């Protein structure tokens, strides 16, 4: 079961990276993602997907389109909004505060 689960998340990451490179419409990405997750039997909203998307944005691909993907995942109820907020608050807010301190110096 763990191998199948790993394959699902690997395919989600590949779909996201491919859509990012192709500058795909975020709504089409969300529809395809939702279909793939439903086919794999993943319960939505998914905490694992929230972790994957936030990690992808914050550590690998801090680009405008990835933020749009996250917004569509939220609007399609693919990820829990409060979990996304909590994950972002520990990764994005501290960096913004640090930048603000530099600008105010």
N, C-alpha and C. Protein backbone atom coordinates (compact mmCIF):
# COMPACT_ATOMS: atom_id res chain seq x y z
N UNK A 1 0.82 -1.20 0.00
CA UNK A 1 0.00 0.00 0.00
C UNK A 1 0.86 1.26 0.00
N UNK A 2 1.98 1.23 0.71
CA UNK A 2 2.84 2.40 0.77
C UNK A 2 3.41 2.74 -0.61
N UNK A 3 3.76 1.72 -1.40
CA UNK A 3 4.30 1.97 -2.73
C UNK A 3 3.25 2.62 -3.62
N UNK A 4 2.01 2.16 -3.53
CA UNK A 4 0.94 2.76 -4.33
C UNK A 4 0.71 4.20 -3.91
N UNK A 5 0.74 4.45 -2.61
CA UNK A 5 0.56 5.80 -2.10
C UNK A 5 1.68 6.71 -2.58
N UNK A 6 2.89 6.22 -2.57
CA UNK A 6 4.03 6.99 -3.04
C UNK A 6 3.85 7.34 -4.52
N UNK A 7 3.37 6.39 -5.29
CA UNK A 7 3.14 6.60 -6.71
C UNK A 7 2.12 7.70 -6.95
N UNK A 8 1.08 7.76 -6.15
CA UNK A 8 0.07 8.81 -6.27
C UNK A 8 0.71 10.17 -6.09
N UNK A 9 1.52 10.33 -5.05
CA UNK A 9 2.11 11.64 -4.77
C UNK A 9 3.20 11.99 -5.77
N UNK A 10 3.90 10.98 -6.27
CA UNK A 10 4.87 11.23 -7.33
C UNK A 10 4.17 11.73 -8.59
N UNK A 11 3.02 11.14 -8.91
CA UNK A 11 2.28 11.57 -10.09
C UNK A 11 1.71 12.98 -9.90
N UNK A 12 1.31 13.31 -8.68
CA UNK A 12 0.82 14.67 -8.39
C UNK A 12 1.95 15.67 -8.61
N UNK A 13 3.12 15.35 -8.13
CA UNK A 13 4.26 16.25 -8.29
C UNK A 13 4.63 16.39 -9.77
N UNK A 14 4.61 15.28 -10.51
CA UNK A 14 4.91 15.34 -11.94
C UNK A 14 3.88 16.17 -12.69
N UNK A 15 2.60 15.98 -12.36
CA UNK A 15 1.53 16.77 -12.99
C UNK A 15 1.74 18.25 -12.71
N UNK A 16 2.09 18.57 -11.49
CA UNK A 16 2.29 19.97 -11.09
C UNK A 16 3.50 20.57 -11.80
N UNK A 17 4.59 19.84 -11.84
CA UNK A 17 5.79 20.34 -12.51
C UNK A 17 5.55 20.52 -14.01
N UNK A 18 4.88 19.56 -14.61
CA UNK A 18 4.57 19.65 -16.04
C UNK A 18 3.68 20.84 -16.35
N UNK A 19 2.65 21.03 -15.54
CA UNK A 19 1.73 22.16 -15.73
C UNK A 19 2.46 23.48 -15.54
N UNK A 20 3.39 23.50 -14.62
CA UNK A 20 4.18 24.70 -14.35
C UNK A 20 5.05 25.05 -15.56
N UNK A 21 5.74 24.06 -16.11
CA UNK A 21 6.61 24.28 -17.25
C UNK A 21 5.80 24.73 -18.47
N UNK A 22 4.63 24.13 -18.65
CA UNK A 22 3.78 24.45 -19.81
C UNK A 22 2.93 25.70 -19.58
N UNK A 23 3.03 26.28 -18.39
CA UNK A 23 2.21 27.44 -18.02
C UNK A 23 0.72 27.14 -18.22
N UNK A 24 0.33 25.97 -17.75
CA UNK A 24 -1.04 25.46 -17.90
C UNK A 24 -2.03 26.31 -17.09
N UNK A 25 -3.25 26.38 -17.57
CA UNK A 25 -4.32 27.06 -16.85
C UNK A 25 -4.50 26.37 -15.49
N UNK A 26 -4.40 27.12 -14.39
CA UNK A 26 -4.54 26.52 -13.07
C UNK A 26 -5.86 25.77 -12.85
N UNK A 27 -6.93 26.24 -13.48
CA UNK A 27 -8.20 25.54 -13.33
C UNK A 27 -8.15 24.16 -13.99
N UNK A 28 -7.54 24.07 -15.17
CA UNK A 28 -7.40 22.77 -15.83
C UNK A 28 -6.52 21.84 -15.00
N UNK A 29 -5.46 22.41 -14.42
CA UNK A 29 -4.58 21.62 -13.54
C UNK A 29 -5.38 21.06 -12.37
N UNK A 30 -6.21 21.90 -11.75
CA UNK A 30 -6.99 21.47 -10.59
C UNK A 30 -8.01 20.39 -10.97
N UNK A 31 -8.62 20.52 -12.13
CA UNK A 31 -9.58 19.51 -12.60
C UNK A 31 -8.87 18.18 -12.81
N UNK A 32 -7.72 18.21 -13.49
CA UNK A 32 -6.95 16.98 -13.73
C UNK A 32 -6.47 16.38 -12.41
N UNK A 33 -6.00 17.22 -11.52
CA UNK A 33 -5.53 16.75 -10.21
C UNK A 33 -6.66 16.09 -9.43
N UNK A 34 -7.80 16.74 -9.41
CA UNK A 34 -8.96 16.19 -8.71
C UNK A 34 -9.35 14.84 -9.28
N UNK A 35 -9.37 14.74 -10.59
CA UNK A 35 -9.70 13.47 -11.25
C UNK A 35 -8.70 12.37 -10.88
N UNK A 36 -7.41 12.71 -10.92
CA UNK A 36 -6.37 11.73 -10.57
C UNK A 36 -6.50 11.27 -9.12
N UNK A 37 -6.74 12.21 -8.22
CA UNK A 37 -6.85 11.86 -6.80
C UNK A 37 -8.10 11.02 -6.53
N UNK A 38 -9.21 11.38 -7.17
CA UNK A 38 -10.43 10.58 -7.02
C UNK A 38 -10.23 9.17 -7.56
N UNK A 39 -9.56 9.04 -8.70
CA UNK A 39 -9.29 7.72 -9.27
C UNK A 39 -8.40 6.88 -8.36
N UNK A 40 -7.50 7.54 -7.65
CA UNK A 40 -6.59 6.84 -6.74
C UNK A 40 -7.23 6.56 -5.38
N UNK A 41 -8.45 7.07 -5.17
CA UNK A 41 -9.14 6.83 -3.91
C UNK A 41 -8.67 7.70 -2.76
N UNK A 42 -8.08 8.84 -3.07
CA UNK A 42 -7.59 9.75 -2.03
C UNK A 42 -8.77 10.55 -1.48
N UNK A 43 -8.89 10.59 -0.16
CA UNK A 43 -9.94 11.39 0.48
C UNK A 43 -9.60 12.86 0.37
N UNK A 44 -10.60 13.64 -0.01
CA UNK A 44 -10.42 15.09 -0.16
C UNK A 44 -11.27 15.82 0.85
N UNK A 45 -10.82 16.92 1.39
CA UNK A 45 -9.51 17.53 1.18
C UNK A 45 -8.39 16.69 1.78
N UNK A 46 -7.22 16.78 1.18
CA UNK A 46 -6.10 15.93 1.54
C UNK A 46 -5.00 16.70 2.26
N UNK A 47 -4.68 16.24 3.46
CA UNK A 47 -3.58 16.85 4.21
C UNK A 47 -2.24 16.60 3.52
N UNK A 48 -2.08 15.41 2.94
CA UNK A 48 -0.84 15.08 2.24
C UNK A 48 -0.63 16.01 1.05
N UNK A 49 -1.71 16.29 0.32
CA UNK A 49 -1.61 17.19 -0.83
C UNK A 49 -1.23 18.60 -0.37
N UNK A 50 -1.80 19.05 0.73
CA UNK A 50 -1.46 20.37 1.27
C UNK A 50 0.04 20.45 1.57
N UNK A 51 0.56 19.45 2.25
CA UNK A 51 1.99 19.42 2.57
C UNK A 51 2.83 19.42 1.30
N UNK A 52 2.44 18.61 0.33
CA UNK A 52 3.19 18.50 -0.92
C UNK A 52 3.22 19.83 -1.67
N UNK A 53 2.06 20.47 -1.82
CA UNK A 53 2.00 21.72 -2.57
C UNK A 53 2.75 22.85 -1.88
N UNK A 54 2.58 22.97 -0.58
CA UNK A 54 3.28 24.04 0.15
C UNK A 54 4.79 23.80 0.10
N UNK A 55 5.22 22.57 0.27
CA UNK A 55 6.65 22.27 0.17
C UNK A 55 7.18 22.57 -1.22
N UNK A 56 6.41 22.20 -2.23
CA UNK A 56 6.81 22.44 -3.62
C UNK A 56 6.99 23.94 -3.87
N UNK A 57 6.07 24.74 -3.37
CA UNK A 57 6.14 26.19 -3.57
C UNK A 57 7.29 26.80 -2.77
N UNK A 58 7.38 26.45 -1.51
CA UNK A 58 8.32 27.13 -0.61
C UNK A 58 9.76 26.69 -0.78
N UNK A 59 9.98 25.48 -1.23
CA UNK A 59 11.35 24.98 -1.28
C UNK A 59 11.90 24.83 -2.68
N UNK A 60 11.05 24.65 -3.66
CA UNK A 60 11.55 24.36 -4.99
C UNK A 60 11.13 25.38 -6.05
N UNK A 61 9.92 25.87 -5.97
CA UNK A 61 9.36 26.61 -7.09
C UNK A 61 8.54 27.80 -6.64
N UNK A 62 9.22 28.80 -6.16
CA UNK A 62 8.52 30.01 -5.70
C UNK A 62 8.23 30.89 -6.92
N UNK A 63 7.20 30.49 -7.68
CA UNK A 63 6.83 31.20 -8.91
C UNK A 63 5.35 31.54 -8.84
N UNK A 64 4.92 32.60 -9.53
CA UNK A 64 3.51 33.01 -9.47
C UNK A 64 2.52 31.90 -9.83
N UNK A 65 2.83 31.09 -10.84
CA UNK A 65 1.86 30.08 -11.26
C UNK A 65 1.66 29.01 -10.18
N UNK A 66 2.70 28.71 -9.41
CA UNK A 66 2.52 27.70 -8.37
C UNK A 66 1.59 28.21 -7.28
N UNK A 67 1.62 29.52 -7.02
CA UNK A 67 0.68 30.10 -6.06
C UNK A 67 -0.75 30.01 -6.60
N UNK A 68 -0.89 30.17 -7.91
CA UNK A 68 -2.22 30.04 -8.54
C UNK A 68 -2.72 28.60 -8.43
N UNK A 69 -1.80 27.64 -8.58
CA UNK A 69 -2.19 26.24 -8.41
C UNK A 69 -2.70 26.00 -6.99
N UNK A 70 -1.99 26.54 -6.02
CA UNK A 70 -2.41 26.39 -4.62
C UNK A 70 -3.78 27.03 -4.40
N UNK A 71 -4.00 28.20 -4.98
CA UNK A 71 -5.29 28.87 -4.84
C UNK A 71 -6.41 28.02 -5.44
N UNK A 72 -6.17 27.40 -6.58
CA UNK A 72 -7.19 26.54 -7.20
C UNK A 72 -7.40 25.28 -6.37
N UNK A 73 -6.35 24.74 -5.79
CA UNK A 73 -6.51 23.57 -4.92
C UNK A 73 -7.40 23.92 -3.73
N UNK A 74 -7.25 25.14 -3.22
CA UNK A 74 -8.11 25.60 -2.13
C UNK A 74 -9.55 25.77 -2.60
N UNK A 75 -9.74 26.40 -3.75
CA UNK A 75 -11.10 26.67 -4.22
C UNK A 75 -11.83 25.41 -4.66
N UNK A 76 -11.09 24.38 -5.07
CA UNK A 76 -11.70 23.10 -5.44
C UNK A 76 -11.84 22.17 -4.23
N UNK A 77 -11.48 22.66 -3.05
CA UNK A 77 -11.56 21.90 -1.81
C UNK A 77 -10.70 20.62 -1.86
N UNK A 78 -9.54 20.74 -2.49
CA UNK A 78 -8.62 19.62 -2.56
C UNK A 78 -7.71 19.57 -1.34
N UNK A 79 -7.53 20.73 -0.71
CA UNK A 79 -6.67 20.83 0.48
C UNK A 79 -7.43 21.56 1.58
N UNK A 80 -7.15 21.23 2.86
CA UNK A 80 -7.80 21.94 3.97
C UNK A 80 -7.22 23.35 4.13
N UNK A 81 -8.07 24.38 4.04
CA UNK A 81 -7.58 25.76 4.08
C UNK A 81 -6.80 26.12 5.35
N UNK A 82 -7.27 25.68 6.50
CA UNK A 82 -6.57 26.04 7.73
C UNK A 82 -5.20 25.38 7.82
N UNK A 83 -5.09 24.17 7.30
CA UNK A 83 -3.78 23.51 7.28
C UNK A 83 -2.83 24.26 6.35
N UNK A 84 -3.32 24.66 5.19
CA UNK A 84 -2.48 25.43 4.26
C UNK A 84 -2.01 26.72 4.93
N UNK A 85 -2.92 27.40 5.60
CA UNK A 85 -2.56 28.63 6.31
C UNK A 85 -1.49 28.36 7.37
N UNK A 86 -1.68 27.29 8.12
CA UNK A 86 -0.70 26.94 9.16
C UNK A 86 0.66 26.61 8.55
N UNK A 87 0.66 25.86 7.46
CA UNK A 87 1.93 25.51 6.81
C UNK A 87 2.62 26.74 6.24
N UNK A 88 1.85 27.62 5.63
CA UNK A 88 2.43 28.84 5.07
C UNK A 88 2.92 29.78 6.16
N UNK A 89 2.21 29.81 7.28
CA UNK A 89 2.61 30.74 8.35
C UNK A 89 3.97 30.38 8.93
N UNK A 90 4.32 29.12 8.89
CA UNK A 90 5.63 28.73 9.42
C UNK A 90 6.73 28.86 8.37
N UNK A 91 6.35 28.99 7.10
CA UNK A 91 7.37 29.05 6.05
C UNK A 91 7.47 30.41 5.38
N UNK A 92 6.34 31.06 5.17
CA UNK A 92 6.34 32.32 4.43
C UNK A 92 6.43 33.52 5.35
N UNK A 93 5.64 33.55 6.40
CA UNK A 93 5.59 34.72 7.28
C UNK A 93 6.95 35.03 7.90
N UNK A 94 7.69 34.05 8.44
CA UNK A 94 9.01 34.40 9.00
C UNK A 94 9.93 35.04 7.96
N UNK A 95 9.87 34.59 6.72
CA UNK A 95 10.70 35.18 5.66
C UNK A 95 10.26 36.60 5.35
N UNK A 96 8.97 36.85 5.35
CA UNK A 96 8.47 38.20 5.07
C UNK A 96 8.86 39.14 6.21
N UNK A 97 8.81 38.66 7.44
CA UNK A 97 9.21 39.50 8.57
C UNK A 97 10.68 39.85 8.49
N UNK A 98 11.50 38.89 8.10
CA UNK A 98 12.94 39.12 7.96
C UNK A 98 13.19 40.16 6.87
N UNK A 99 12.52 40.05 5.74
CA UNK A 99 12.68 41.01 4.65
C UNK A 99 12.22 42.39 5.10
N UNK A 100 11.11 42.45 5.85
CA UNK A 100 10.62 43.73 6.36
C UNK A 100 11.63 44.40 7.26
N UNK A 101 12.32 43.62 8.08
CA UNK A 101 13.34 44.19 8.97
C UNK A 101 14.50 44.76 8.16
N UNK A 102 14.85 44.10 7.08
CA UNK A 102 15.94 44.58 6.23
C UNK A 102 15.54 45.90 5.58
N UNK A 103 14.30 45.96 5.06
CA UNK A 103 13.84 47.17 4.38
C UNK A 103 13.71 48.34 5.35
N UNK A 104 13.34 48.06 6.58
CA UNK A 104 13.15 49.13 7.56
C UNK A 104 14.46 49.61 8.17
N UNK A 105 15.56 48.91 7.89
CA UNK A 105 16.86 49.28 8.48
C UNK A 105 17.41 50.53 7.84
